[in-house]
Full PDB file with SEQRES, HELIX, SHEET, SSBOND, CRYST1, ORIGX, SCALE, CONECT and MASTER records, all heavy atoms in Angstrom:
SEQRES   1 A   37  VAL GLY GLU ASN ASP GLY THR ILE THR ALA CYS PHE TRP          
SEQRES   2 A   37  ASP ILE GLU THR SER SER GLN SER SER SER ALA GLY GLY          
SEQRES   3 A   37  THR GLY LYS ASN THR ALA ASP MET MET LYS GLN                  
HELIX    1 AA1 ASP A   33  MET A   35  5                                   3    
SHEET    1 AA1 2 PHE A  12  ASP A  14  0                                        
SHEET    2 AA1 2 THR A  27  LYS A  29  1                                        
CRYST1    1.000    1.000    1.000  90.00  90.00  90.00 P 1           1          
ORIGX1      1.000000  0.000000  0.000000        0.00000                         
ORIGX2      0.000000  1.000000  0.000000        0.00000                         
ORIGX3      0.000000  0.000000  1.000000        0.00000                         
SCALE1      1.000000  0.000000  0.000000        0.00000                         
SCALE2      0.000000  1.000000  0.000000        0.00000                         
SCALE3      0.000000  0.000000  1.000000        0.00000                         
ATOM      1  N   VAL A   1      -9.519  10.210  26.082  1.00  0.00           N  
ATOM      2  CA  VAL A   1     -10.136  10.782  24.905  1.00  0.00           C  
ATOM      3  C   VAL A   1      -9.860  12.254  24.765  1.00  0.00           C  
ATOM      4  O   VAL A   1      -9.585  12.883  25.771  1.00  0.00           O  
ATOM      5  CB  VAL A   1     -11.666  10.596  24.982  1.00  0.00           C  
ATOM      6  CG1 VAL A   1     -12.125   9.153  24.914  1.00  0.00           C  
ATOM      7  CG2 VAL A   1     -12.223  11.288  26.304  1.00  0.00           C  
ATOM      8  N   GLY A   2      -9.825  12.791  23.520  1.00  0.00           N  
ATOM      9  CA  GLY A   2      -9.514  14.192  23.372  1.00  0.00           C  
ATOM     10  C   GLY A   2     -10.800  15.008  23.659  1.00  0.00           C  
ATOM     11  O   GLY A   2     -10.702  16.164  24.344  1.00  0.00           O  
ATOM     12  N   GLU A   3     -11.917  14.565  23.237  1.00  0.00           N  
ATOM     13  CA  GLU A   3     -13.153  15.359  23.571  1.00  0.00           C  
ATOM     14  C   GLU A   3     -14.337  14.204  23.566  1.00  0.00           C  
ATOM     15  O   GLU A   3     -14.193  13.219  22.807  1.00  0.00           O  
ATOM     16  CB  GLU A   3     -13.517  16.378  22.352  1.00  0.00           C  
ATOM     17  CG  GLU A   3     -14.799  17.131  22.596  1.00  0.00           C  
ATOM     18  CD  GLU A   3     -14.839  18.018  23.776  1.00  0.00           C  
ATOM     19  OE1 GLU A   3     -14.197  17.773  24.761  1.00  0.00           O  
ATOM     20  OE2 GLU A   3     -15.471  19.034  23.626  1.00  0.00           O  
ATOM     21  N   ASN A   4     -15.291  14.493  24.511  1.00  0.00           N  
ATOM     22  CA  ASN A   4     -16.340  13.547  24.693  1.00  0.00           C  
ATOM     23  C   ASN A   4     -17.747  14.209  24.624  1.00  0.00           C  
ATOM     24  O   ASN A   4     -18.016  15.038  25.441  1.00  0.00           O  
ATOM     25  CB  ASN A   4     -16.210  12.800  26.015  1.00  0.00           C  
ATOM     26  CG  ASN A   4     -17.219  11.833  26.355  1.00  0.00           C  
ATOM     27  OD1 ASN A   4     -17.753  11.138  25.416  1.00  0.00           O  
ATOM     28  ND2 ASN A   4     -17.673  11.959  27.678  1.00  0.00           N  
ATOM     29  N   ASP A   5     -18.540  13.634  23.783  1.00  0.00           N  
ATOM     30  CA  ASP A   5     -20.039  14.068  23.764  1.00  0.00           C  
ATOM     31  C   ASP A   5     -20.895  12.876  23.876  1.00  0.00           C  
ATOM     32  O   ASP A   5     -22.068  12.944  23.545  1.00  0.00           O  
ATOM     33  CB  ASP A   5     -20.284  14.860  22.519  1.00  0.00           C  
ATOM     34  CG  ASP A   5     -19.775  16.297  22.524  1.00  0.00           C  
ATOM     35  OD1 ASP A   5     -19.761  16.959  23.566  1.00  0.00           O  
ATOM     36  OD2 ASP A   5     -19.144  16.697  21.496  1.00  0.00           O  
ATOM     37  N   GLY A   6     -20.314  11.712  24.342  1.00  0.00           N  
ATOM     38  CA  GLY A   6     -21.035  10.558  24.470  1.00  0.00           C  
ATOM     39  C   GLY A   6     -20.948  10.049  25.868  1.00  0.00           C  
ATOM     40  O   GLY A   6     -21.085  10.864  26.867  1.00  0.00           O  
ATOM     41  N   THR A   7     -20.881   8.729  26.109  1.00  0.00           N  
ATOM     42  CA  THR A   7     -20.946   8.068  27.467  1.00  0.00           C  
ATOM     43  C   THR A   7     -19.704   7.243  27.559  1.00  0.00           C  
ATOM     44  O   THR A   7     -19.387   6.360  26.701  1.00  0.00           O  
ATOM     45  CB  THR A   7     -22.152   7.187  27.525  1.00  0.00           C  
ATOM     46  OG1 THR A   7     -23.426   7.951  27.285  1.00  0.00           O  
ATOM     47  CG2 THR A   7     -22.280   6.563  28.960  1.00  0.00           C  
ATOM     48  N   ILE A   8     -19.084   7.497  28.676  1.00  0.00           N  
ATOM     49  CA  ILE A   8     -17.973   6.751  29.037  1.00  0.00           C  
ATOM     50  C   ILE A   8     -18.012   6.059  30.383  1.00  0.00           C  
ATOM     51  O   ILE A   8     -18.288   6.788  31.464  1.00  0.00           O  
ATOM     52  CB  ILE A   8     -16.625   7.592  29.131  1.00  0.00           C  
ATOM     53  CG1 ILE A   8     -16.344   8.225  27.632  1.00  0.00           C  
ATOM     54  CG2 ILE A   8     -15.335   6.810  29.513  1.00  0.00           C  
ATOM     55  CD1 ILE A   8     -15.273   9.167  27.652  1.00  0.00           C  
ATOM     56  N   THR A   9     -17.947   4.659  30.454  1.00  0.00           N  
ATOM     57  CA  THR A   9     -18.302   3.954  31.712  1.00  0.00           C  
ATOM     58  C   THR A   9     -17.015   3.020  32.122  1.00  0.00           C  
ATOM     59  O   THR A   9     -16.660   2.275  31.114  1.00  0.00           O  
ATOM     60  CB  THR A   9     -19.487   3.060  31.533  1.00  0.00           C  
ATOM     61  OG1 THR A   9     -20.613   3.954  31.288  1.00  0.00           O  
ATOM     62  CG2 THR A   9     -19.722   2.506  32.881  1.00  0.00           C  
ATOM     63  N   ALA A  10     -16.424   3.309  33.301  1.00  0.00           N  
ATOM     64  CA  ALA A  10     -15.514   2.347  33.701  1.00  0.00           C  
ATOM     65  C   ALA A  10     -14.233   2.239  32.820  1.00  0.00           C  
ATOM     66  O   ALA A  10     -13.771   1.056  32.476  1.00  0.00           O  
ATOM     67  CB  ALA A  10     -16.006   0.946  33.970  1.00  0.00           C  
ATOM     68  N   CYS A  11     -13.657   3.346  32.378  1.00  0.00           N  
ATOM     69  CA  CYS A  11     -12.562   3.387  31.367  1.00  0.00           C  
ATOM     70  C   CYS A  11     -11.466   4.073  32.125  1.00  0.00           C  
ATOM     71  O   CYS A  11     -11.609   4.994  32.968  1.00  0.00           O  
ATOM     72  CB  CYS A  11     -12.928   4.112  30.138  1.00  0.00           C  
ATOM     73  SG  CYS A  11     -14.144   3.182  29.149  1.00  0.00           S  
ATOM     74  N   PHE A  12     -10.189   3.690  31.834  1.00  0.00           N  
ATOM     75  CA  PHE A  12      -8.996   4.226  32.394  1.00  0.00           C  
ATOM     76  C   PHE A  12      -7.920   4.566  31.479  1.00  0.00           C  
ATOM     77  O   PHE A  12      -7.937   4.137  30.352  1.00  0.00           O  
ATOM     78  CB  PHE A  12      -8.437   3.154  33.475  1.00  0.00           C  
ATOM     79  CG  PHE A  12      -9.394   2.718  34.480  1.00  0.00           C  
ATOM     80  CD1 PHE A  12     -10.282   1.655  34.281  1.00  0.00           C  
ATOM     81  CD2 PHE A  12      -9.385   3.483  35.659  1.00  0.00           C  
ATOM     82  CE1 PHE A  12     -11.144   1.257  35.204  1.00  0.00           C  
ATOM     83  CE2 PHE A  12     -10.355   2.941  36.768  1.00  0.00           C  
ATOM     84  CZ  PHE A  12     -11.203   1.944  36.429  1.00  0.00           C  
ATOM     85  N   TRP A  13      -6.976   5.389  31.979  1.00  0.00           N  
ATOM     86  CA  TRP A  13      -5.740   5.616  31.187  1.00  0.00           C  
ATOM     87  C   TRP A  13      -4.603   5.695  32.230  1.00  0.00           C  
ATOM     88  O   TRP A  13      -4.837   6.100  33.295  1.00  0.00           O  
ATOM     89  CB  TRP A  13      -5.851   6.846  30.179  1.00  0.00           C  
ATOM     90  CG  TRP A  13      -5.595   8.103  30.960  1.00  0.00           C  
ATOM     91  CD1 TRP A  13      -4.405   8.822  30.960  1.00  0.00           C  
ATOM     92  CD2 TRP A  13      -6.496   9.007  31.611  1.00  0.00           C  
ATOM     93  NE1 TRP A  13      -4.487   9.988  31.643  1.00  0.00           N  
ATOM     94  CE2 TRP A  13      -5.823  10.127  32.030  1.00  0.00           C  
ATOM     95  CE3 TRP A  13      -7.919   8.908  31.949  1.00  0.00           C  
ATOM     96  CZ2 TRP A  13      -6.389  11.181  32.764  1.00  0.00           C  
ATOM     97  CZ3 TRP A  13      -8.369  10.007  32.626  1.00  0.00           C  
ATOM     98  CH2 TRP A  13      -7.821  11.030  33.037  1.00  0.00           C  
ATOM     99  N   ASP A  14      -3.368   5.486  31.678  1.00  0.00           N  
ATOM    100  CA  ASP A  14      -2.222   5.467  32.592  1.00  0.00           C  
ATOM    101  C   ASP A  14      -1.603   6.892  32.522  1.00  0.00           C  
ATOM    102  O   ASP A  14      -1.102   7.318  31.397  1.00  0.00           O  
ATOM    103  CB  ASP A  14      -1.208   4.493  32.114  1.00  0.00           C  
ATOM    104  CG  ASP A  14       0.007   4.327  32.989  1.00  0.00           C  
ATOM    105  OD1 ASP A  14       0.432   5.291  33.638  1.00  0.00           O  
ATOM    106  OD2 ASP A  14       0.469   3.186  33.129  1.00  0.00           O  
ATOM    107  N   ILE A  15      -1.769   7.711  33.569  1.00  0.00           N  
ATOM    108  CA  ILE A  15      -1.254   9.049  33.570  1.00  0.00           C  
ATOM    109  C   ILE A  15       0.288   9.273  33.468  1.00  0.00           C  
ATOM    110  O   ILE A  15       0.754  10.206  32.922  1.00  0.00           O  
ATOM    111  CB  ILE A  15      -1.783   9.809  34.827  1.00  0.00           C  
ATOM    112  CG1 ILE A  15      -1.165   9.046  36.054  1.00  0.00           C  
ATOM    113  CG2 ILE A  15      -3.249   9.848  34.827  1.00  0.00           C  
ATOM    114  CD1 ILE A  15      -1.516   9.844  37.360  1.00  0.00           C  
ATOM    115  N   GLU A  16       1.061   8.040  33.836  1.00  0.00           N  
ATOM    116  CA  GLU A  16       2.476   8.113  33.719  1.00  0.00           C  
ATOM    117  C   GLU A  16       3.027   7.898  32.292  1.00  0.00           C  
ATOM    118  O   GLU A  16       3.722   8.636  31.684  1.00  0.00           O  
ATOM    119  CB  GLU A  16       3.045   7.182  34.705  1.00  0.00           C  
ATOM    120  CG  GLU A  16       2.811   7.382  36.138  1.00  0.00           C  
ATOM    121  CD  GLU A  16       3.495   6.404  37.005  1.00  0.00           C  
ATOM    122  OE1 GLU A  16       4.690   6.339  36.996  1.00  0.00           O  
ATOM    123  OE2 GLU A  16       2.695   5.674  37.709  1.00  0.00           O  
ATOM    124  N   THR A  17       2.546   6.780  31.617  1.00  0.00           N  
ATOM    125  CA  THR A  17       3.002   6.367  30.309  1.00  0.00           C  
ATOM    126  C   THR A  17       2.413   7.383  29.202  1.00  0.00           C  
ATOM    127  O   THR A  17       2.963   7.492  28.205  1.00  0.00           O  
ATOM    128  CB  THR A  17       2.666   4.980  29.973  1.00  0.00           C  
ATOM    129  OG1 THR A  17       1.305   4.689  30.063  1.00  0.00           O  
ATOM    130  CG2 THR A  17       3.374   3.955  30.886  1.00  0.00           C  
ATOM    131  N   SER A  18       1.344   7.938  29.472  1.00  0.00           N  
ATOM    132  CA  SER A  18       0.585   8.821  28.520  1.00  0.00           C  
ATOM    133  C   SER A  18       1.165  10.147  28.557  1.00  0.00           C  
ATOM    134  O   SER A  18       0.968  10.937  27.680  1.00  0.00           O  
ATOM    135  CB  SER A  18      -0.867   8.842  28.653  1.00  0.00           C  
ATOM    136  OG  SER A  18      -1.233   9.515  29.916  1.00  0.00           O  
ATOM    137  N   SER A  19       1.880  10.478  29.643  1.00  0.00           N  
ATOM    138  CA  SER A  19       2.203  12.011  29.875  1.00  0.00           C  
ATOM    139  C   SER A  19       1.066  12.932  29.844  1.00  0.00           C  
ATOM    140  O   SER A  19       1.227  14.090  29.637  1.00  0.00           O  
ATOM    141  CB  SER A  19       3.266  12.328  28.837  1.00  0.00           C  
ATOM    142  OG  SER A  19       4.476  11.568  29.017  1.00  0.00           O  
ATOM    143  N   GLN A  20      -0.081  12.477  30.172  1.00  0.00           N  
ATOM    144  CA  GLN A  20      -1.397  13.221  30.154  1.00  0.00           C  
ATOM    145  C   GLN A  20      -1.936  13.093  31.560  1.00  0.00           C  
ATOM    146  O   GLN A  20      -2.445  11.967  31.901  1.00  0.00           O  
ATOM    147  CB  GLN A  20      -2.315  12.842  29.054  1.00  0.00           C  
ATOM    148  CG  GLN A  20      -1.815  13.190  27.787  1.00  0.00           C  
ATOM    149  CD  GLN A  20      -1.658  14.771  27.442  1.00  0.00           C  
ATOM    150  OE1 GLN A  20      -2.351  15.456  28.017  1.00  0.00           O  
ATOM    151  NE2 GLN A  20      -0.730  15.108  26.505  1.00  0.00           N  
ATOM    152  N   SER A  21      -2.175  14.228  32.401  1.00  0.00           N  
ATOM    153  CA  SER A  21      -2.877  14.096  33.544  1.00  0.00           C  
ATOM    154  C   SER A  21      -4.425  14.341  33.582  1.00  0.00           C  
ATOM    155  O   SER A  21      -4.990  14.277  34.507  1.00  0.00           O  
ATOM    156  CB  SER A  21      -2.373  15.122  34.613  1.00  0.00           C  
ATOM    157  OG  SER A  21      -2.415  16.428  34.064  1.00  0.00           O  
ATOM    158  N   SER A  22      -4.870  14.579  32.302  1.00  0.00           N  
ATOM    159  CA  SER A  22      -6.290  15.016  32.136  1.00  0.00           C  
ATOM    160  C   SER A  22      -6.812  14.176  30.839  1.00  0.00           C  
ATOM    161  O   SER A  22      -6.060  13.812  30.022  1.00  0.00           O  
ATOM    162  CB  SER A  22      -6.566  16.439  31.946  1.00  0.00           C  
ATOM    163  OG  SER A  22      -5.794  16.900  30.973  1.00  0.00           O  
ATOM    164  N   SER A  23      -8.155  14.220  30.763  1.00  0.00           N  
ATOM    165  CA  SER A  23      -8.811  13.574  29.775  1.00  0.00           C  
ATOM    166  C   SER A  23     -10.234  14.140  29.674  1.00  0.00           C  
ATOM    167  O   SER A  23     -10.821  14.440  30.850  1.00  0.00           O  
ATOM    168  CB  SER A  23      -8.939  12.114  29.779  1.00  0.00           C  
ATOM    169  OG  SER A  23      -9.722  11.466  28.900  1.00  0.00           O  
ATOM    170  N   ALA A  24     -10.998  14.146  28.624  1.00  0.00           N  
ATOM    171  CA  ALA A  24     -12.382  14.556  28.539  1.00  0.00           C  
ATOM    172  C   ALA A  24     -13.311  13.446  29.218  1.00  0.00           C  
ATOM    173  O   ALA A  24     -14.616  13.747  29.253  1.00  0.00           O  
ATOM    174  CB  ALA A  24     -12.823  14.793  27.036  1.00  0.00           C  
ATOM    175  N   GLY A  25     -12.727  12.334  29.541  1.00  0.00           N  
ATOM    176  CA  GLY A  25     -13.560  11.319  30.169  1.00  0.00           C  
ATOM    177  C   GLY A  25     -12.688  10.225  30.661  1.00  0.00           C  
ATOM    178  O   GLY A  25     -11.511  10.162  30.334  1.00  0.00           O  
ATOM    179  N   GLY A  26     -13.233   9.380  31.482  1.00  0.00           N  
ATOM    180  CA  GLY A  26     -12.417   8.267  32.075  1.00  0.00           C  
ATOM    181  C   GLY A  26     -11.733   8.651  33.373  1.00  0.00           C  
ATOM    182  O   GLY A  26     -11.830   9.741  33.840  1.00  0.00           O  
ATOM    183  N   THR A  27     -10.975   7.669  33.877  1.00  0.00           N  
ATOM    184  CA  THR A  27     -10.252   7.837  35.170  1.00  0.00           C  
ATOM    185  C   THR A  27      -8.813   7.666  34.951  1.00  0.00           C  
ATOM    186  O   THR A  27      -8.353   6.621  34.289  1.00  0.00           O  
ATOM    187  CB  THR A  27     -10.802   6.823  36.213  1.00  0.00           C  
ATOM    188  OG1 THR A  27     -12.281   7.193  36.294  1.00  0.00           O  
ATOM    189  CG2 THR A  27     -10.041   7.010  37.553  1.00  0.00           C  
ATOM    190  N   GLY A  28      -7.887   8.514  35.323  1.00  0.00           N  
ATOM    191  CA  GLY A  28      -6.515   8.377  35.181  1.00  0.00           C  
ATOM    192  C   GLY A  28      -5.986   7.698  36.419  1.00  0.00           C  
ATOM    193  O   GLY A  28      -6.360   7.929  37.559  1.00  0.00           O  
ATOM    194  N   LYS A  29      -4.988   6.652  36.218  1.00  0.00           N  
ATOM    195  CA  LYS A  29      -4.383   5.986  37.336  1.00  0.00           C  
ATOM    196  C   LYS A  29      -2.882   5.919  37.037  1.00  0.00           C  
ATOM    197  O   LYS A  29      -2.403   6.027  35.863  1.00  0.00           O  
ATOM    198  CB  LYS A  29      -4.886   4.469  37.280  1.00  0.00           C  
ATOM    199  CG  LYS A  29      -6.363   4.471  37.686  1.00  0.00           C  
ATOM    200  CD  LYS A  29      -6.555   4.634  39.267  1.00  0.00           C  
ATOM    201  CE  LYS A  29      -8.078   4.382  39.560  1.00  0.00           C  
ATOM    202  NZ  LYS A  29      -8.222   4.659  41.065  1.00  0.00           N  
ATOM    203  N   ASN A  30      -2.064   5.748  38.115  1.00  0.00           N  
ATOM    204  CA  ASN A  30      -0.611   5.449  37.857  1.00  0.00           C  
ATOM    205  C   ASN A  30      -0.530   4.142  37.349  1.00  0.00           C  
ATOM    206  O   ASN A  30      -1.346   3.225  37.437  1.00  0.00           O  
ATOM    207  CB  ASN A  30       0.165   5.782  39.173  1.00  0.00           C  
ATOM    208  CG  ASN A  30      -0.208   5.034  40.385  1.00  0.00           C  
ATOM    209  OD1 ASN A  30      -0.592   3.859  40.161  1.00  0.00           O  
ATOM    210  ND2 ASN A  30      -0.195   5.628  41.503  1.00  0.00           N  
ATOM    211  N   THR A  31       0.796   3.786  36.980  1.00  0.00           N  
ATOM    212  CA  THR A  31       1.067   2.511  36.420  1.00  0.00           C  
ATOM    213  C   THR A  31       0.866   1.370  37.336  1.00  0.00           C  
ATOM    214  O   THR A  31       0.215   0.280  37.033  1.00  0.00           O  
ATOM    215  CB  THR A  31       2.473   2.398  35.821  1.00  0.00           C  
ATOM    216  OG1 THR A  31       2.674   3.501  34.866  1.00  0.00           O  
ATOM    217  CG2 THR A  31       2.826   1.155  35.187  1.00  0.00           C  
ATOM    218  N   ALA A  32       1.228   1.446  38.499  1.00  0.00           N  
ATOM    219  CA  ALA A  32       1.125   0.507  39.706  1.00  0.00           C  
ATOM    220  C   ALA A  32      -0.459   0.106  39.814  1.00  0.00           C  
ATOM    221  O   ALA A  32      -0.772  -1.127  39.839  1.00  0.00           O  
ATOM    222  CB  ALA A  32       1.569   1.010  40.944  1.00  0.00           C  
ATOM    223  N   ASP A  33      -1.304   1.146  39.825  1.00  0.00           N  
ATOM    224  CA  ASP A  33      -2.830   0.793  39.916  1.00  0.00           C  
ATOM    225  C   ASP A  33      -3.297   0.182  38.638  1.00  0.00           C  
ATOM    226  O   ASP A  33      -4.257  -0.641  38.705  1.00  0.00           O  
ATOM    227  CB  ASP A  33      -3.569   2.032  40.267  1.00  0.00           C  
ATOM    228  CG  ASP A  33      -3.318   2.546  41.698  1.00  0.00           C  
ATOM    229  OD1 ASP A  33      -2.961   1.607  42.553  1.00  0.00           O  
ATOM    230  OD2 ASP A  33      -3.476   3.675  41.968  1.00  0.00           O  
ATOM    231  N   MET A  34      -2.738   0.419  37.502  1.00  0.00           N  
ATOM    232  CA  MET A  34      -3.262   0.043  36.229  1.00  0.00           C  
ATOM    233  C   MET A  34      -2.852  -1.539  36.025  1.00  0.00           C  
ATOM    234  O   MET A  34      -3.332  -2.184  35.245  1.00  0.00           O  
ATOM    235  CB  MET A  34      -2.666   0.849  35.002  1.00  0.00           C  
ATOM    236  CG  MET A  34      -3.196   2.134  34.897  1.00  0.00           C  
ATOM    237  SD  MET A  34      -4.881   2.247  34.361  1.00  0.00           S  
ATOM    238  CE  MET A  34      -4.697   1.585  32.702  1.00  0.00           C  
ATOM    239  N   MET A  35      -1.967  -1.976  37.007  1.00  0.00           N  
ATOM    240  CA  MET A  35      -1.536  -3.385  36.983  1.00  0.00           C  
ATOM    241  C   MET A  35      -2.034  -4.152  38.165  1.00  0.00           C  
ATOM    242  O   MET A  35      -1.564  -5.178  38.472  1.00  0.00           O  
ATOM    243  CB  MET A  35      -0.032  -3.425  36.966  1.00  0.00           C  
ATOM    244  CG  MET A  35       0.585  -3.034  35.768  1.00  0.00           C  
ATOM    245  SD  MET A  35       2.385  -3.268  35.651  1.00  0.00           S  
ATOM    246  CE  MET A  35       2.709  -2.545  33.955  1.00  0.00           C  
ATOM    247  N   LYS A  36      -3.165  -3.557  38.853  1.00  0.00           N  
ATOM    248  CA  LYS A  36      -3.930  -4.447  39.832  1.00  0.00           C  
ATOM    249  C   LYS A  36      -5.276  -4.723  39.310  1.00  0.00           C  
ATOM    250  O   LYS A  36      -6.036  -3.926  38.907  1.00  0.00           O  
ATOM    251  CB  LYS A  36      -3.979  -3.405  41.044  1.00  0.00           C  
ATOM    252  CG  LYS A  36      -2.759  -3.061  41.759  1.00  0.00           C  
ATOM    253  CD  LYS A  36      -3.044  -2.120  42.962  1.00  0.00           C  
ATOM    254  CE  LYS A  36      -1.692  -1.863  43.672  1.00  0.00           C  
ATOM    255  NZ  LYS A  36      -1.977  -0.903  44.761  1.00  0.00           N  
ATOM    256  N   GLN A  37      -5.673  -5.949  39.472  1.00  0.00           N  
ATOM    257  CA  GLN A  37      -6.864  -6.382  39.028  1.00  0.00           C  
ATOM    258  C   GLN A  37      -8.041  -5.629  39.729  1.00  0.00           C  
ATOM    259  O   GLN A  37      -9.106  -5.482  39.096  1.00  0.00           O  
ATOM    260  CB  GLN A  37      -7.013  -7.976  39.168  1.00  0.00           C  
ATOM    261  CG  GLN A  37      -8.280  -8.481  38.537  1.00  0.00           C  
ATOM    262  CD  GLN A  37      -8.462 -10.037  38.547  1.00  0.00           C  
ATOM    263  OE1 GLN A  37      -7.411 -10.665  38.290  1.00  0.00           O  
ATOM    264  NE2 GLN A  37      -9.440 -10.593  39.031  1.00  0.00           N  
TER     265      GLN A  37                                                      
MASTER        0    0    0    1    2    0    0    6  264    1    0    3          
END                                                                             
């Protein structure tokens, strides 16, 4: 997300494919971890 004034629970983004190491909410993971159940 670009900016967050709400609630974010158990959400993720791929820090490698997005080319973004930060976000206003959520948890960043590498691609390998994003492909683990």
